[in-house]
Protein backbone atom coordinates (compact mmCIF):
# COMPACT_ATOMS: atom_id res chain seq x y z
CA MET A 1 16.34 -72.90 -31.51
CA ARG A 2 13.69 -70.77 -30.32
CA MET A 3 12.48 -67.63 -32.45
CA ARG A 4 12.21 -64.51 -30.61
CA LYS A 5 8.75 -62.52 -31.01
CA THR A 6 9.14 -59.37 -32.89
CA THR A 7 7.40 -56.06 -31.63
CA ALA A 8 4.63 -56.45 -34.32
CA GLU A 9 3.78 -59.90 -33.01
CA THR A 10 3.68 -58.81 -29.37
CA VAL A 11 1.36 -55.95 -30.24
CA LYS A 12 -0.88 -58.27 -32.26
CA GLY A 13 -0.98 -60.69 -29.36
CA ASP A 14 -1.88 -57.68 -27.01
CA VAL A 15 -4.63 -56.47 -29.32
CA LEU A 16 -6.06 -59.92 -29.66
CA ALA A 17 -5.93 -60.63 -25.84
CA GLU A 18 -7.72 -57.30 -25.28
CA ASN A 19 -10.38 -58.07 -27.79
CA GLN A 20 -10.80 -61.42 -26.34
CA ALA A 21 -11.36 -59.85 -23.01
CA LYS A 22 -13.91 -57.59 -24.47
CA ILE A 23 -15.75 -60.51 -26.03
CA ASP A 24 -15.69 -62.38 -22.79
CA SER A 25 -17.18 -59.35 -20.90
CA TYR A 26 -19.86 -58.98 -23.58
CA GLU A 27 -20.82 -62.58 -23.33
CA LYS A 28 -21.02 -62.29 -19.49
CA SER A 29 -23.13 -59.31 -19.86
CA ILE A 30 -25.45 -61.03 -22.47
CA ARG A 31 -25.89 -64.15 -20.11
CA ALA A 32 -26.75 -61.71 -17.16
CA ALA A 33 -29.31 -59.86 -19.37
CA LEU A 34 -30.93 -63.07 -20.52
CA GLU A 35 -31.26 -64.19 -16.85
CA ARG A 36 -32.85 -60.89 -16.06
CA LYS A 37 -35.26 -61.39 -19.01
CA ARG A 38 -35.99 -65.01 -17.96
CA LYS A 39 -36.93 -63.66 -14.54
CA VAL A 40 -39.30 -61.08 -15.96
CA ILE A 41 -40.92 -63.59 -18.24
CA ILE A 42 -41.59 -65.89 -15.29
CA GLU A 43 -42.94 -62.88 -13.20
CA SER A 44 -45.27 -62.10 -15.99
CA LYS A 45 -46.53 -65.73 -16.29
CA LEU A 46 -47.06 -65.78 -12.62
CA TYR A 47 -49.01 -62.63 -12.66
CA THR A 48 -51.19 -63.82 -15.63
CA TYR A 49 -51.74 -67.05 -13.86
CA GLY A 50 -53.06 -65.11 -10.89
CA GLN A 51 -55.31 -63.00 -12.85
CA LEU A 52 -56.87 -66.02 -14.70
CA SER A 53 -57.27 -67.76 -11.26
CA GLU A 54 -59.19 -64.81 -10.10
CA LEU A 55 -61.19 -64.65 -13.10
CA TYR A 56 -62.24 -68.34 -12.83
CA SER A 57 -63.26 -68.11 -9.11
CA GLY A 58 -59.92 -69.09 -7.59
CA ALA A 59 -59.44 -72.16 -9.54
CA GLU A 60 -55.92 -73.39 -9.72
CA GLY A 61 -53.62 -75.99 -11.29
CA GLN A 62 -55.48 -78.62 -13.44
CA GLU A 63 -58.82 -77.11 -12.57
CA LEU A 64 -57.93 -73.75 -14.00
CA LEU A 65 -56.47 -75.32 -17.01
CA ASP A 66 -59.57 -77.56 -17.67
CA ALA A 67 -61.83 -74.45 -17.12
CA VAL A 68 -59.80 -72.32 -19.72
CA THR A 69 -59.43 -75.26 -22.10
CA THR A 70 -63.26 -76.09 -22.03
CA GLU A 71 -64.21 -72.45 -22.48
CA HIS A 72 -61.66 -72.04 -25.45
CA ALA A 73 -63.12 -75.22 -26.96
CA LEU A 74 -66.59 -73.94 -26.66
CA ILE A 75 -65.87 -70.57 -28.17
CA GLN A 76 -63.95 -72.27 -30.98
CA LYS A 77 -66.98 -74.48 -31.76
CA LEU A 78 -69.24 -71.29 -31.91
CA THR A 79 -66.87 -69.59 -34.11
CA ASP A 80 -66.33 -72.50 -36.44
CA SER A 81 -70.13 -72.54 -36.80
CA GLY A 82 -69.91 -68.92 -38.16
CA MET A 83 -70.77 -66.88 -35.05
CA THR A 84 -68.67 -63.86 -34.49
CA TYR A 85 -67.26 -62.87 -31.04
CA GLU A 86 -69.77 -60.08 -30.82
CA GLN A 87 -72.66 -62.51 -31.35
CA ILE A 88 -71.17 -64.91 -28.67
CA GLY A 89 -70.89 -61.91 -26.37
CA GLU A 90 -74.66 -61.05 -27.15
CA LEU A 91 -75.56 -64.81 -26.42
CA ALA A 92 -74.07 -64.68 -23.02
CA ASP A 93 -75.40 -61.18 -22.25
CA ASP A 94 -78.53 -61.23 -19.89
CA SER A 95 -80.17 -58.34 -21.90
CA SER A 96 -80.02 -60.44 -25.16
CA ALA A 97 -81.48 -63.44 -23.39
CA SER A 98 -84.40 -61.37 -22.33
CA LYS A 99 -85.12 -60.59 -25.94
CA TYR A 100 -86.33 -64.28 -26.17
CA GLY A 101 -88.72 -63.91 -23.27
CA LYS A 102 -86.60 -65.90 -20.69
CA GLN A 103 -83.12 -66.00 -19.44
CA MET A 104 -80.93 -68.35 -21.03
CA SER A 105 -79.29 -71.10 -18.78
CA PHE A 106 -76.34 -73.34 -19.49
CA SER A 107 -76.69 -75.26 -16.31
CA GLU A 108 -77.42 -79.02 -16.37
CA SER A 109 -80.32 -78.63 -13.82
CA ASN A 110 -82.58 -76.97 -16.25
CA HIS A 111 -85.96 -78.66 -15.95
CA SER A 112 -87.95 -76.60 -18.61
CA TYR A 113 -87.98 -79.73 -20.80
CA SER A 114 -89.51 -81.92 -18.18
CA GLU A 115 -92.82 -80.06 -18.21
C-alpha cells in the first residue's frame, strides 16, 4: 500500500526543489565568474609578457626567460653580498661610473686588462 503525501510534505518538497534550483543557478554563476576571472588573468599575463619582451629588446620565449633569470640571479648575488637596490642602481648609472674616472663596462670585450 502506497502512502499518500500530505500537504506539508508537498510544501517541503517544493521548497527544497526551489532551493536546489537557486543553488544550481548560483553554482552556474560562480563557474561563469571564475571563467571570466581566468580570462582576465590570462590577458594580464600576456600584457606583462609583452611589456617584458619590449624591455628586453624584443626577446621572446626561452631567450626572454633566460635574460630575466640571469638578471634576477645577478641582482640576488649583489643583494646577498650586502648591496642595497639603491647601490645597485648607482652602480649601473653612468653618472656614478664617471665618479671613478671611466665608464664601467660589463661586456666581455673589455681590453683594459691587456695593456
